Protein backbone atom coordinates (compact mmCIF):
# COMPACT_ATOMS: atom_id res chain seq x y z
CA UNK A 1 52.93 -79.72 -68.43
CA UNK A 2 54.84 -80.62 -65.30
CA UNK A 3 58.59 -80.76 -64.85
CA UNK A 4 59.79 -82.79 -61.87
CA UNK A 5 63.35 -82.08 -60.73
CA UNK A 6 65.57 -82.02 -57.72
CA UNK A 7 66.47 -78.81 -55.95
CA UNK A 8 70.13 -78.65 -56.99
CA UNK A 9 71.65 -75.19 -57.04
CA UNK A 10 72.79 -75.84 -60.62
CA UNK A 11 69.13 -75.73 -61.68
CA UNK A 12 68.61 -72.16 -60.52
CA UNK A 13 67.92 -70.76 -63.99
CA UNK A 14 65.23 -73.42 -64.56
CA UNK A 15 63.54 -72.33 -61.33
CA UNK A 16 63.72 -68.68 -62.41
CA UNK A 17 62.16 -69.54 -65.78
CA UNK A 18 59.30 -71.40 -64.12
CA UNK A 19 58.68 -68.57 -61.66
CA UNK A 20 58.77 -65.91 -64.34
CA UNK A 21 61.73 -64.17 -62.74
CA UNK A 22 64.64 -62.59 -64.60
CA UNK A 23 67.31 -65.19 -65.39
CA UNK A 24 71.00 -64.80 -66.18
CA UNK A 25 71.00 -66.75 -69.46
CA UNK A 26 72.30 -64.46 -72.24
CA UNK A 27 69.51 -63.55 -74.68
CA UNK A 28 71.25 -64.90 -77.82
CA UNK A 29 71.82 -68.24 -76.08
CA UNK A 30 68.30 -68.28 -74.69
CA UNK A 31 66.79 -67.79 -78.17
CA UNK A 32 68.64 -70.89 -79.40
CA UNK A 33 67.21 -73.10 -76.64
CA UNK A 34 64.37 -75.18 -78.08
CA UNK A 35 61.26 -75.32 -75.90
CA UNK A 36 62.54 -72.72 -73.42
CA UNK A 37 62.40 -69.91 -75.98
CA UNK A 38 58.69 -70.66 -76.55
CA UNK A 39 57.67 -69.71 -72.99
CA UNK A 40 55.16 -66.88 -72.74
CA UNK A 41 54.53 -65.35 -69.33
CA UNK A 42 51.13 -64.29 -68.05
CA UNK A 43 50.66 -62.04 -65.06
CA UNK A 44 48.77 -63.38 -62.08
CA UNK A 45 45.65 -61.50 -60.98
CA UNK A 46 46.24 -58.56 -58.66
CA UNK A 47 47.13 -59.78 -55.19
CA UNK A 48 47.22 -58.31 -51.73
CA UNK A 49 50.61 -59.94 -51.28
CA UNK A 50 53.28 -57.25 -51.35
CA UNK A 51 55.97 -57.51 -53.99
CA UNK A 52 54.52 -60.54 -55.78
CA UNK A 53 57.16 -60.78 -58.53
CA UNK A 54 56.11 -64.07 -60.11
CA UNK A 55 54.49 -64.70 -63.49
CA UNK A 56 52.78 -67.78 -64.93
CA UNK A 57 54.82 -69.60 -67.61
CA UNK A 58 52.89 -71.04 -70.55
CA UNK A 59 53.73 -72.83 -73.79
CA UNK A 60 50.99 -73.00 -76.44
CA UNK A 61 48.46 -71.83 -73.80
CA UNK A 62 49.38 -74.68 -71.43
CA UNK A 63 50.58 -73.67 -67.97
CA UNK A 64 53.95 -75.07 -66.92
CA UNK A 65 54.44 -76.37 -63.39
CA UNK A 66 57.66 -77.18 -61.56
CA UNK A 67 57.69 -79.74 -58.75
CA UNK A 68 60.49 -81.01 -56.59
CA UNK A 69 60.72 -84.79 -56.92
CA UNK A 70 59.36 -86.89 -54.06
CA UNK A 71 62.77 -88.25 -53.06
CA UNK A 72 64.13 -84.73 -52.85
CA UNK A 73 61.22 -83.59 -50.68
CA UNK A 74 61.84 -86.50 -48.32
CA UNK A 75 65.54 -85.56 -48.09
CA UNK A 76 64.67 -81.90 -47.41
CA UNK A 77 62.23 -82.90 -44.67
CA UNK A 78 64.74 -85.32 -43.11
CA UNK A 79 67.39 -82.59 -43.19
CA UNK A 80 65.02 -80.18 -41.46
CA UNK A 81 64.25 -82.80 -38.80
CA UNK A 82 67.97 -83.25 -38.11
CA UNK A 83 68.63 -79.53 -37.80
CA UNK A 84 69.68 -78.22 -34.41
CA UNK A 85 68.59 -74.68 -35.33
CA UNK A 86 64.87 -75.12 -34.71
CA UNK A 87 62.25 -77.65 -33.70
CA UNK A 88 59.66 -78.37 -36.36
CA UNK A 89 56.02 -78.07 -35.36
CA UNK A 90 53.03 -79.61 -37.08
CA UNK A 91 50.02 -77.90 -35.62
CA UNK A 92 50.42 -78.04 -31.85
CA UNK A 93 52.78 -81.02 -31.97
CA UNK A 94 56.53 -80.65 -32.00
CA UNK A 95 58.58 -83.13 -33.99
CA UNK A 96 61.38 -84.98 -32.27
CA UNK A 97 63.15 -87.98 -33.73
CA UNK A 98 65.39 -88.84 -30.76
CA UNK A 99 63.10 -91.63 -29.51
CA UNK A 100 63.64 -93.49 -32.79
CA UNK A 101 67.13 -94.32 -31.53
CA UNK A 102 65.53 -96.26 -28.66
CA UNK A 103 63.68 -98.26 -31.32
CA UNK A 104 66.98 -99.21 -33.06
CA UNK A 105 67.09 -96.60 -35.83
CA UNK A 106 70.62 -96.76 -37.30
CA UNK A 107 72.73 -93.85 -36.08
CA UNK A 108 73.73 -92.85 -39.62
CA UNK A 109 70.08 -92.33 -40.55
CA UNK A 110 69.50 -90.27 -37.42
CA UNK A 111 72.50 -87.97 -37.90
CA UNK A 112 72.41 -87.84 -41.69
CA UNK A 113 75.74 -89.43 -42.50
CA UNK A 114 74.99 -88.85 -46.19
CA UNK A 115 72.55 -85.97 -46.67
CA UNK A 116 71.96 -87.03 -50.30
CA UNK A 117 70.96 -90.58 -49.40
CA UNK A 118 67.37 -91.43 -50.26
CA UNK A 119 67.66 -94.58 -48.15
CA UNK A 120 68.75 -92.74 -45.00
CA UNK A 121 65.95 -90.18 -45.33
CA UNK A 122 63.31 -92.87 -45.96
CA UNK A 123 64.59 -94.93 -43.02
CA UNK A 124 64.43 -91.92 -40.68
CA UNK A 125 60.77 -91.46 -41.64
CA UNK A 126 59.92 -95.17 -41.53
CA UNK A 127 56.97 -96.11 -39.36
CA UNK A 128 58.90 -99.16 -38.19
CA UNK A 129 61.07 -96.96 -35.97
CA UNK A 130 58.14 -94.93 -34.68
CA UNK A 131 55.76 -97.49 -33.22
CA UNK A 132 56.68 -99.66 -30.23
CA UNK A 133 53.96 -102.19 -30.96
CA UNK A 134 53.11 -102.05 -34.65
CA UNK A 135 50.23 -104.54 -34.46
CA UNK A 136 48.47 -102.46 -31.77
CA UNK A 137 49.64 -99.05 -33.03
CA UNK A 138 51.22 -97.99 -29.74
CA UNK A 139 53.14 -94.77 -30.32
CA UNK A 140 55.40 -93.11 -27.75
CA UNK A 141 54.13 -89.61 -26.87
CA UNK A 142 57.33 -88.05 -28.17
CA UNK A 143 56.79 -89.38 -31.71
CA UNK A 144 53.24 -88.08 -32.34
CA UNK A 145 54.51 -85.04 -34.24
CA UNK A 146 56.80 -87.20 -36.38
CA UNK A 147 53.89 -89.37 -37.49
CA UNK A 148 51.88 -86.36 -38.61
């Protein structure tokens, strides 16, 4: 079973349940929660990773998985690209979006006027604003990392 959700801070107890970490839901309330009170946790095999605190959640012997929704992943990636704290690297390529402005990317998409906008994030990552000659696939050297 897979649960797809966004990464809102209000969902923190759901994340804890899916990671097998202690949660702050009172026990009497937790026992009244259908489905959630059926979760059984299995330990992972011994690992060389120090302090591996996670456990595998199961219901009726089926493993439960938690995934961030695709739109939320795109927004997280776009937010990371806009950050002034660090330059993202994909392999040996650094990612820089500034050349997309030369190709007429709207300024709001570049700066992240609305960080929760799916449209702004998708537009920032659009191939239309990455290639100078789409039919020939000509890509400015500064956008190679962005395409990866």
